[in-house]
Amino acid sequence: MKILTANRLTDGIAVWYADGRWAETVRHADLAHDKAAEDRLEAIGAKAYADNEVVDVNLIDADVVDGVVEPVRLREKIRAAGPTIRGDLGKQAERAA
């Protein structure tokens, strides 16, 4: 499965395409289960890039764990969670609160 990720152009925050918009959390990102769905997400990403909404648009591997979308690669897990040196910062701190 694949999901669409990018960085928002206005502030550089990592975002994922979910439910027709760019979301700051990966938990409910739209999943592409086949090539047609991947092509649809790529087209959405290309348009958002052309419209100067996002940069560094990529389809990445993802799994569903306990009903929640999670990136597969470590790099993408870090982008989703935030800084690795302090658990009280970034998106992982928001989940703990």
PDB file of N, CA and C in Angstrom:
ATOM      1  N   MET A   1       0.846  -1.181   0.000  1.00  0.00           N
ATOM      2  CA  MET A   1       0.000   0.000   0.000  1.00  0.00           C
ATOM      3  C   MET A   1       0.889   1.240   0.000  1.00  0.00           C
ATOM      4  N   LYS A   2       0.354   2.296  -0.555  1.00  0.00           N
ATOM      5  CA  LYS A   2       1.083   3.564  -0.647  1.00  0.00           C
ATOM      6  C   LYS A   2       0.212   4.700  -0.125  1.00  0.00           C
ATOM      7  N   ILE A   3       0.885   5.741   0.385  1.00  0.00           N
ATOM      8  CA  ILE A   3       0.222   6.973   0.785  1.00  0.00           C
ATOM      9  C   ILE A   3       0.999   8.137   0.193  1.00  0.00           C
ATOM     10  N   LEU A   4       0.354   9.290   0.109  1.00  0.00           N
ATOM     11  CA  LEU A   4       0.966  10.482  -0.485  1.00  0.00           C
ATOM     12  C   LEU A   4       1.420  11.419   0.622  1.00  0.00           C
ATOM     13  N   THR A   5       2.691  11.800   0.574  1.00  0.00           N
ATOM     14  CA  THR A   5       3.236  12.728   1.552  1.00  0.00           C
ATOM     15  C   THR A   5       3.928  13.876   0.844  1.00  0.00           C
ATOM     16  N   ALA A   6       4.101  14.974   1.575  1.00  0.00           N
ATOM     17  CA  ALA A   6       4.777  16.156   1.041  1.00  0.00           C
ATOM     18  C   ALA A   6       5.146  17.047   2.222  1.00  0.00           C
ATOM     19  N   ASN A   7       5.706  18.196   1.908  1.00  0.00           N
ATOM     20  CA  ASN A   7       5.926  19.238   2.899  1.00  0.00           C
ATOM     21  C   ASN A   7       5.137  20.456   2.471  1.00  0.00           C
ATOM     22  N   ARG A   8       4.391  21.014   3.408  1.00  0.00           N
ATOM     23  CA  ARG A   8       3.596  22.197   3.120  1.00  0.00           C
ATOM     24  C   ARG A   8       4.533  23.361   2.807  1.00  0.00           C
ATOM     25  N   LEU A   9       4.275  24.072   1.738  1.00  0.00           N
ATOM     26  CA  LEU A   9       5.160  25.123   1.276  1.00  0.00           C
ATOM     27  C   LEU A   9       5.218  26.301   2.249  1.00  0.00           C
ATOM     28  N   THR A  10       4.140  26.616   2.924  1.00  0.00           N
ATOM     29  CA  THR A  10       4.107  27.808   3.784  1.00  0.00           C
ATOM     30  C   THR A  10       4.971  27.681   5.028  1.00  0.00           C
ATOM     31  N   ASP A  11       5.113  26.449   5.572  1.00  0.00           N
ATOM     32  CA  ASP A  11       5.874  26.312   6.823  1.00  0.00           C
ATOM     33  C   ASP A  11       6.785  25.085   6.882  1.00  0.00           C
ATOM     34  N   GLY A  12       6.797  24.262   5.835  1.00  0.00           N
ATOM     35  CA  GLY A  12       7.677  23.111   5.783  1.00  0.00           C
ATOM     36  C   GLY A  12       7.211  21.891   6.554  1.00  0.00           C
ATOM     37  N   ILE A  13       6.055  21.963   7.187  1.00  0.00           N
ATOM     38  CA  ILE A  13       5.538  20.843   7.977  1.00  0.00           C
ATOM     39  C   ILE A  13       5.256  19.652   7.066  1.00  0.00           C
ATOM     40  N   ALA A  14       5.621  18.450   7.542  1.00  0.00           N
ATOM     41  CA  ALA A  14       5.303  17.219   6.818  1.00  0.00           C
ATOM     42  C   ALA A  14       3.791  17.012   6.848  1.00  0.00           C
ATOM     43  N   VAL A  15       3.220  16.701   5.693  1.00  0.00           N
ATOM     44  CA  VAL A  15       1.774  16.490   5.575  1.00  0.00           C
ATOM     45  C   VAL A  15       1.501  15.237   4.748  1.00  0.00           C
ATOM     46  N   TRP A  16       0.292  14.704   4.909  1.00  0.00           N
ATOM     47  CA  TRP A  16      -0.158  13.512   4.189  1.00  0.00           C
ATOM     48  C   TRP A  16      -1.532  13.798   3.635  1.00  0.00           C
ATOM     49  N   TYR A  17      -1.819  13.262   2.458  1.00  0.00           N
ATOM     50  CA  TYR A  17      -3.111  13.500   1.821  1.00  0.00           C
ATOM     51  C   TYR A  17      -4.153  12.576   2.443  1.00  0.00           C
ATOM     52  N   ALA A  18      -5.209  13.174   2.986  1.00  0.00           N
ATOM     53  CA  ALA A  18      -6.259  12.405   3.673  1.00  0.00           C
ATOM     54  C   ALA A  18      -7.597  13.110   3.499  1.00  0.00           C
ATOM     55  N   ASP A  19      -8.582  12.360   3.069  1.00  0.00           N
ATOM     56  CA  ASP A  19      -9.955  12.872   2.990  1.00  0.00           C
ATOM     57  C   ASP A  19     -10.069  14.183   2.218  1.00  0.00           C
ATOM     58  N   GLY A  20      -9.357  14.281   1.101  1.00  0.00           N
ATOM     59  CA  GLY A  20      -9.492  15.453   0.244  1.00  0.00           C
ATOM     60  C   GLY A  20      -8.709  16.671   0.665  1.00  0.00           C
ATOM     61  N   ARG A  21      -7.786  16.535   1.612  1.00  0.00           N
ATOM     62  CA  ARG A  21      -6.993  17.688   2.053  1.00  0.00           C
ATOM     63  C   ARG A  21      -5.641  17.191   2.555  1.00  0.00           C
ATOM     64  N   TRP A  22      -4.741  18.117   2.826  1.00  0.00           N
ATOM     65  CA  TRP A  22      -3.440  17.796   3.403  1.00  0.00           C
ATOM     66  C   TRP A  22      -3.563  17.843   4.921  1.00  0.00           C
ATOM     67  N   ALA A  23      -3.240  16.739   5.569  1.00  0.00           N
ATOM     68  CA  ALA A  23      -3.358  16.624   7.021  1.00  0.00           C
ATOM     69  C   ALA A  23      -1.972  16.581   7.665  1.00  0.00           C
ATOM     70  N   GLU A  24      -1.865  17.085   8.882  1.00  0.00           N
ATOM     71  CA  GLU A  24      -0.589  17.103   9.590  1.00  0.00           C
ATOM     72  C   GLU A  24      -0.281  15.780  10.285  1.00  0.00           C
ATOM     73  N   THR A  25      -1.208  14.842  10.274  1.00  0.00           N
ATOM     74  CA  THR A  25      -0.945  13.523  10.846  1.00  0.00           C
ATOM     75  C   THR A  25      -1.182  12.460   9.780  1.00  0.00           C
ATOM     76  N   VAL A  26      -0.455  11.374   9.900  1.00  0.00           N
ATOM     77  CA  VAL A  26      -0.505  10.298   8.913  1.00  0.00           C
ATOM     78  C   VAL A  26      -1.623   9.301   9.205  1.00  0.00           C
ATOM     79  N   ARG A  27      -2.201   9.358  10.372  1.00  0.00           N
ATOM     80  CA  ARG A  27      -3.107   8.326  10.882  1.00  0.00           C
ATOM     81  C   ARG A  27      -4.240   7.936   9.932  1.00  0.00           C
ATOM     82  N   HIS A  28      -4.766   8.882   9.181  1.00  0.00           N
ATOM     83  CA  HIS A  28      -5.916   8.590   8.323  1.00  0.00           C
ATOM     84  C   HIS A  28      -5.638   8.902   6.853  1.00  0.00           C
ATOM     85  N   ALA A  29      -4.372   8.814   6.468  1.00  0.00           N
ATOM     86  CA  ALA A  29      -3.997   9.103   5.083  1.00  0.00           C
ATOM     87  C   ALA A  29      -4.726   8.172   4.124  1.00  0.00           C
ATOM     88  N   ASP A  30      -5.043   8.701   2.950  1.00  0.00           N
ATOM     89  CA  ASP A  30      -5.688   7.890   1.913  1.00  0.00           C
ATOM     90  C   ASP A  30      -4.722   6.811   1.436  1.00  0.00           C
ATOM     91  N   LEU A  31      -5.181   5.576   1.420  1.00  0.00           N
ATOM     92  CA  LEU A  31      -4.355   4.441   1.006  1.00  0.00           C
ATOM     93  C   LEU A  31      -4.591   4.095  -0.460  1.00  0.00           C
ATOM     94  N   ALA A  32      -3.500   3.858  -1.168  1.00  0.00           N
ATOM     95  CA  ALA A  32      -3.582   3.366  -2.544  1.00  0.00           C
ATOM     96  C   ALA A  32      -3.301   1.868  -2.508  1.00  0.00           C
ATOM     97  N   HIS A  33      -4.302   1.082  -2.871  1.00  0.00           N
ATOM     98  CA  HIS A  33      -4.182  -0.378  -2.846  1.00  0.00           C
ATOM     99  C   HIS A  33      -3.786  -0.961  -4.201  1.00  0.00           C
ATOM    100  N   ASP A  34      -3.834  -0.123  -5.258  1.00  0.00           N
ATOM    101  CA  ASP A  34      -3.501  -0.614  -6.590  1.00  0.00           C
ATOM    102  C   ASP A  34      -2.907   0.524  -7.420  1.00  0.00           C
ATOM    103  N   LYS A  35      -2.470   0.196  -8.621  1.00  0.00           N
ATOM    104  CA  LYS A  35      -1.810   1.167  -9.487  1.00  0.00           C
ATOM    105  C   LYS A  35      -2.720   2.338  -9.851  1.00  0.00           C
ATOM    106  N   ALA A  36      -3.996   2.080 -10.061  1.00  0.00           N
ATOM    107  CA  ALA A  36      -4.937   3.157 -10.397  1.00  0.00           C
ATOM    108  C   ALA A  36      -5.041   4.159  -9.250  1.00  0.00           C
ATOM    109  N   ALA A  37      -5.101   3.666  -8.033  1.00  0.00           N
ATOM    110  CA  ALA A  37      -5.175   4.541  -6.862  1.00  0.00           C
ATOM    111  C   ALA A  37      -3.863   5.313  -6.682  1.00  0.00           C
ATOM    112  N   GLU A  38      -2.739   4.664  -6.950  1.00  0.00           N
ATOM    113  CA  GLU A  38      -1.450   5.351  -6.890  1.00  0.00           C
ATOM    114  C   GLU A  38      -1.404   6.481  -7.914  1.00  0.00           C
ATOM    115  N   ASP A  39      -1.868   6.212  -9.117  1.00  0.00           N
ATOM    116  CA  ASP A  39      -1.892   7.235 -10.172  1.00  0.00           C
ATOM    117  C   ASP A  39      -2.768   8.412  -9.767  1.00  0.00           C
ATOM    118  N   ARG A  40      -3.908   8.123  -9.134  1.00  0.00           N
ATOM    119  CA  ARG A  40      -4.803   9.195  -8.668  1.00  0.00           C
ATOM    120  C   ARG A  40      -4.104  10.070  -7.632  1.00  0.00           C
ATOM    121  N   LEU A  41      -3.429   9.430  -6.655  1.00  0.00           N
ATOM    122  CA  LEU A  41      -2.717  10.202  -5.637  1.00  0.00           C
ATOM    123  C   LEU A  41      -1.570  10.999  -6.247  1.00  0.00           C
ATOM    124  N   GLU A  42      -0.845  10.403  -7.190  1.00  0.00           N
ATOM    125  CA  GLU A  42       0.238  11.128  -7.845  1.00  0.00           C
ATOM    126  C   GLU A  42      -0.284  12.358  -8.584  1.00  0.00           C
ATOM    127  N   ALA A  43      -1.433  12.241  -9.216  1.00  0.00           N
ATOM    128  CA  ALA A  43      -2.031  13.383  -9.918  1.00  0.00           C
ATOM    129  C   ALA A  43      -2.427  14.481  -8.925  1.00  0.00           C
ATOM    130  N   ILE A  44      -2.957  14.091  -7.789  1.00  0.00           N
ATOM    131  CA  ILE A  44      -3.312  15.062  -6.740  1.00  0.00           C
ATOM    132  C   ILE A  44      -2.052  15.778  -6.264  1.00  0.00           C
ATOM    133  N   GLY A  45      -0.989  15.007  -6.030  1.00  0.00           N
ATOM    134  CA  GLY A  45       0.269  15.595  -5.584  1.00  0.00           C
ATOM    135  C   GLY A  45       0.867  16.533  -6.616  1.00  0.00           C
ATOM    136  N   ALA A  46       0.817  16.152  -7.878  1.00  0.00           N
ATOM    137  CA  ALA A  46       1.356  16.990  -8.948  1.00  0.00           C
ATOM    138  C   ALA A  46       0.595  18.306  -9.051  1.00  0.00           C
ATOM    139  N   LYS A  47      -0.721  18.253  -8.903  1.00  0.00           N
ATOM    140  CA  LYS A  47      -1.528  19.484  -8.944  1.00  0.00           C
ATOM    141  C   LYS A  47      -1.219  20.378  -7.751  1.00  0.00           C
ATOM    142  N   ALA A  48      -1.117  19.787  -6.557  1.00  0.00           N
ATOM    143  CA  ALA A  48      -0.810  20.569  -5.359  1.00  0.00           C
ATOM    144  C   ALA A  48       0.572  21.222  -5.468  1.00  0.00           C
ATOM    145  N   TYR A  49       1.518  20.502  -6.055  1.00  0.00           N
ATOM    146  CA  TYR A  49       2.851  21.055  -6.287  1.00  0.00           C
ATOM    147  C   TYR A  49       2.769  22.214  -7.282  1.00  0.00           C
ATOM    148  N   ALA A  50       2.058  22.015  -8.378  1.00  0.00           N
ATOM    149  CA  ALA A  50       1.913  23.062  -9.396  1.00  0.00           C
ATOM    150  C   ALA A  50       1.208  24.292  -8.842  1.00  0.00           C
ATOM    151  N   ASP A  51       0.302  24.078  -7.886  1.00  0.00           N
ATOM    152  CA  ASP A  51      -0.438  25.179  -7.266  1.00  0.00           C
ATOM    153  C   ASP A  51       0.323  25.803  -6.097  1.00  0.00           C
ATOM    154  N   ASN A  52       1.575  25.392  -5.885  1.00  0.00           N
ATOM    155  CA  ASN A  52       2.432  25.919  -4.805  1.00  0.00           C
ATOM    156  C   ASN A  52       1.860  25.703  -3.411  1.00  0.00           C
ATOM    157  N   GLU A  53       1.195  24.562  -3.218  1.00  0.00           N
ATOM    158  CA  GLU A  53       0.707  24.203  -1.894  1.00  0.00           C
ATOM    159  C   GLU A  53       1.751  23.405  -1.118  1.00  0.00           C
ATOM    160  N   VAL A  54       2.440  22.491  -1.845  1.00  0.00           N
ATOM    161  CA  VAL A  54       3.392  21.576  -1.217  1.00  0.00           C
ATOM    162  C   VAL A  54       4.633  21.398  -2.087  1.00  0.00           C
ATOM    163  N   VAL A  55       5.690  20.868  -1.456  1.00  0.00           N
ATOM    164  CA  VAL A  55       6.914  20.493  -2.165  1.00  0.00           C
ATOM    165  C   VAL A  55       7.308  19.089  -1.723  1.00  0.00           C
ATOM    166  N   ASP A  56       8.288  18.498  -2.396  1.00  0.00           N
ATOM    167  CA  ASP A  56       8.805  17.170  -2.057  1.00  0.00           C
ATOM    168  C   ASP A  56       7.685  16.138  -1.950  1.00  0.00           C
ATOM    169  N   VAL A  57       6.881  16.067  -2.994  1.00  0.00           N
ATOM    170  CA  VAL A  57       5.723  15.165  -3.034  1.00  0.00           C
ATOM    171  C   VAL A  57       6.190  13.747  -3.363  1.00  0.00           C
ATOM    172  N   ASN A  58       5.765  12.768  -2.550  1.00  0.00           N
ATOM    173  CA  ASN A  58       6.182  11.381  -2.760  1.00  0.00           C
ATOM    174  C   ASN A  58       5.091  10.404  -2.361  1.00  0.00           C
ATOM    175  N   LEU A  59       5.024   9.306  -3.093  1.00  0.00           N
ATOM    176  CA  LEU A  59       4.242   8.153  -2.648  1.00  0.00           C
ATOM    177  C   LEU A  59       5.182   7.292  -1.810  1.00  0.00           C
ATOM    178  N   ILE A  60       4.740   6.910  -0.620  1.00  0.00           N
ATOM    179  CA  ILE A  60       5.585   6.099   0.252  1.00  0.00           C
ATOM    180  C   ILE A  60       4.838   4.842   0.676  1.00  0.00           C
ATOM    181  N   ASP A  61       5.592   3.824   1.072  1.00  0.00           N
ATOM    182  CA  ASP A  61       5.004   2.579   1.552  1.00  0.00           C
ATOM    183  C   ASP A  61       4.376   2.792   2.923  1.00  0.00           C
ATOM    184  N   ALA A  62       3.227   2.136   3.132  1.00  0.00           N
ATOM    185  CA  ALA A  62       2.527   2.249   4.410  1.00  0.00           C
ATOM    186  C   ALA A  62       1.828   0.936   4.730  1.00  0.00           C
ATOM    187  N   ASP A  63       1.553   0.739   6.003  1.00  0.00           N
ATOM    188  CA  ASP A  63       0.773  -0.394   6.493  1.00  0.00           C
ATOM    189  C   ASP A  63      -0.344   0.146   7.371  1.00  0.00           C
ATOM    190  N   VAL A  64      -1.313  -0.695   7.640  1.00  0.00           N
ATOM    191  CA  VAL A  64      -2.355  -0.358   8.610  1.00  0.00           C
ATOM    192  C   VAL A  64      -2.106  -1.227   9.841  1.00  0.00           C
ATOM    193  N   VAL A  65      -1.892  -0.585  10.977  1.00  0.00           N
ATOM    194  CA  VAL A  65      -1.625  -1.278  12.234  1.00  0.00           C
ATOM    195  C   VAL A  65      -2.704  -0.867  13.228  1.00  0.00           C
ATOM    196  N   ASP A  66      -3.473  -1.831  13.695  1.00  0.00           N
ATOM    197  CA  ASP A  66      -4.578  -1.557  14.625  1.00  0.00           C
ATOM    198  C   ASP A  66      -5.510  -0.476  14.096  1.00  0.00           C
ATOM    199  N   GLY A  67      -5.778  -0.521  12.795  1.00  0.00           N
ATOM    200  CA  GLY A  67      -6.713   0.413  12.185  1.00  0.00           C
ATOM    201  C   GLY A  67      -6.152   1.792  11.890  1.00  0.00           C
ATOM    202  N   VAL A  68      -4.845   1.976  12.092  1.00  0.00           N
ATOM    203  CA  VAL A  68      -4.213   3.275  11.883  1.00  0.00           C
ATOM    204  C   VAL A  68      -3.131   3.143  10.823  1.00  0.00           C
ATOM    205  N   VAL A  69      -3.085   4.091   9.900  1.00  0.00           N
ATOM    206  CA  VAL A  69      -2.072   4.091   8.848  1.00  0.00           C
ATOM    207  C   VAL A  69      -0.724   4.480   9.460  1.00  0.00           C
ATOM    208  N   GLU A  70       0.314   3.702   9.112  1.00  0.00           N
ATOM    209  CA  GLU A  70       1.675   3.982   9.581  1.00  0.00           C
ATOM    210  C   GLU A  70       2.658   3.806   8.433  1.00  0.00           C
ATOM    211  N   PRO A  71       3.623   4.719   8.315  1.00  0.00           N
ATOM    212  CA  PRO A  71       4.661   4.552   7.304  1.00  0.00           C
ATOM    213  C   PRO A  71       5.514   3.316   7.606  1.00  0.00           C
ATOM    214  N   VAL A  72       6.117   2.743   6.575  1.00  0.00           N
ATOM    215  CA  VAL A  72       6.956   1.561   6.733  1.00  0.00           C
ATOM    216  C   VAL A  72       8.406   1.935   7.050  1.00  0.00           C
ATOM    217  N   ARG A  73       8.977   2.849   6.273  1.00  0.00           N
ATOM    218  CA  ARG A  73      10.397   3.195   6.419  1.00  0.00           C
ATOM    219  C   ARG A  73      10.643   4.085   7.629  1.00  0.00           C
ATOM    220  N   LEU A  74      11.799   3.907   8.257  1.00  0.00           N
ATOM    221  CA  LEU A  74      12.168   4.675   9.441  1.00  0.00           C
ATOM    222  C   LEU A  74      12.142   6.176   9.176  1.00  0.00           C
ATOM    223  N   ARG A  75      12.673   6.602   8.047  1.00  0.00           N
ATOM    224  CA  ARG A  75      12.678   8.033   7.724  1.00  0.00           C
ATOM    225  C   ARG A  75      11.273   8.609   7.778  1.00  0.00           C
ATOM    226  N   GLU A  76      10.326   7.896   7.216  1.00  0.00           N
ATOM    227  CA  GLU A  76       8.949   8.383   7.180  1.00  0.00           C
ATOM    228  C   GLU A  76       8.290   8.298   8.553  1.00  0.00           C
ATOM    229  N   LYS A  77       8.657   7.320   9.350  1.00  0.00           N
ATOM    230  CA  LYS A  77       8.148   7.246  10.727  1.00  0.00           C
ATOM    231  C   LYS A  77       8.613   8.457  11.528  1.00  0.00           C
ATOM    232  N   ILE A  78       9.860   8.860  11.312  1.00  0.00           N
ATOM    233  CA  ILE A  78      10.386  10.034  11.998  1.00  0.00           C
ATOM    234  C   ILE A  78       9.674  11.291  11.519  1.00  0.00           C
ATOM    235  N   ARG A  79       9.451  11.432  10.227  1.00  0.00           N
ATOM    236  CA  ARG A  79       8.713  12.591   9.707  1.00  0.00           C
ATOM    237  C   ARG A  79       7.312  12.654  10.318  1.00  0.00           C
ATOM    238  N   ALA A  80       6.701  11.488  10.519  1.00  0.00           N
ATOM    239  CA  ALA A  80       5.346  11.437  11.074  1.00  0.00           C
ATOM    240  C   ALA A  80       5.322  11.772  12.561  1.00  0.00           C
ATOM    241  N   ALA A  81       6.376  11.384  13.291  1.00  0.00           N
ATOM    242  CA  ALA A  81       6.382  11.546  14.747  1.00  0.00           C
ATOM    243  C   ALA A  81       7.026  12.842  15.217  1.00  0.00           C
ATOM    244  N   GLY A  82       8.045  13.286  14.533  1.00  0.00           N
ATOM    245  CA  GLY A  82       8.750  14.486  14.960  1.00  0.00           C
ATOM    246  C   GLY A  82      10.146  14.165  15.451  1.00  0.00           C
ATOM    247  N   PRO A  83      10.775  15.086  16.176  1.00  0.00           N
ATOM    248  CA  PRO A  83      12.167  14.918  16.597  1.00  0.00           C
ATOM    249  C   PRO A  83      12.390  13.613  17.371  1.00  0.00           C
ATOM    250  N   THR A  84      13.551  13.014  17.155  1.00  0.00           N
ATOM    251  CA  THR A  84      13.850  11.745  17.825  1.00  0.00           C
ATOM    252  C   THR A  84      14.570  11.930  19.149  1.00  0.00           C
ATOM    253  N   ILE A  85      15.068  13.124  19.415  1.00  0.00           N
ATOM    254  CA  ILE A  85      15.863  13.299  20.626  1.00  0.00           C
ATOM    255  C   ILE A  85      15.040  13.707  21.842  1.00  0.00           C
ATOM    256  N   ARG A  86      13.833  14.212  21.618  1.00  0.00           N
ATOM    257  CA  ARG A  86      12.999  14.621  22.752  1.00  0.00           C
ATOM    258  C   ARG A  86      11.560  14.243  22.463  1.00  0.00           C
ATOM    259  N   GLY A  87      11.038  13.330  23.253  1.00  0.00           N
ATOM    260  CA  GLY A  87       9.669  12.879  23.093  1.00  0.00           C
ATOM    261  C   GLY A  87       8.626  13.907  23.477  1.00  0.00           C
ATOM    262  N   ASP A  88       9.049  14.985  24.130  1.00  0.00           N
ATOM    263  CA  ASP A  88       8.112  16.022  24.541  1.00  0.00           C
ATOM    264  C   ASP A  88       7.932  17.104  23.475  1.00  0.00           C
ATOM    265  N   LEU A  89       8.550  16.904  22.304  1.00  0.00           N
ATOM    266  CA  LEU A  89       8.406  17.835  21.199  1.00  0.00           C
ATOM    267  C   LEU A  89       7.795  17.130  19.990  1.00  0.00           C
ATOM    268  N   GLY A  90       7.253  17.892  19.094  1.00  0.00           N
ATOM    269  CA  GLY A  90       6.749  17.345  17.845  1.00  0.00           C
ATOM    270  C   GLY A  90       5.398  16.661  17.998  1.00  0.00           C
ATOM    271  N   LYS A  91       5.052  15.906  16.970  1.00  0.00           N
ATOM    272  CA  LYS A  91       3.744  15.288  16.902  1.00  0.00           C
ATOM    273  C   LYS A  91       3.567  14.193  17.943  1.00  0.00           C
ATOM    274  N   GLN A  92       4.667  13.529  18.345  1.00  0.00           N
ATOM    275  CA  GLN A  92       4.542  12.486  19.365  1.00  0.00           C
ATOM    276  C   GLN A  92       4.144  13.083  20.709  1.00  0.00           C
ATOM    277  N   ALA A  93       4.521  14.332  20.976  1.00  0.00           N
ATOM    278  CA  ALA A  93       4.129  14.989  22.223  1.00  0.00           C
ATOM    279  C   ALA A  93       2.633  15.298  22.222  1.00  0.00           C
ATOM    280  N   GLU A  94       2.100  15.643  21.047  1.00  0.00           N
ATOM    281  CA  GLU A  94       0.668  15.922  20.952  1.00  0.00           C
ATOM    282  C   GLU A  94      -0.165  14.694  21.252  1.00  0.00           C
ATOM    283  N   ARG A  95       0.305  13.519  20.829  1.00  0.00           N
ATOM    284  CA  ARG A  95      -0.419  12.273  21.089  1.00  0.00           C
ATOM    285  C   ARG A  95      -0.395  11.916  22.565  1.00  0.00           C
ATOM    286  N   ALA A  96       0.691  12.260  23.261  1.00  0.00           N
ATOM    287  CA  ALA A  96       0.819  11.926  24.675  1.00  0.00           C
ATOM    288  C   ALA A  96      -0.046  12.818  25.561  1.00  0.00           C
ATOM    289  N   ALA A  97      -0.346  14.020  25.071  1.00  0.00           N
ATOM    290  CA  ALA A  97      -1.104  14.995  25.877  1.00  0.00           C
ATOM    291  C   ALA A  97      -2.559  14.630  26.045  1.00  0.00           C
TER     292      ALA A  97
END
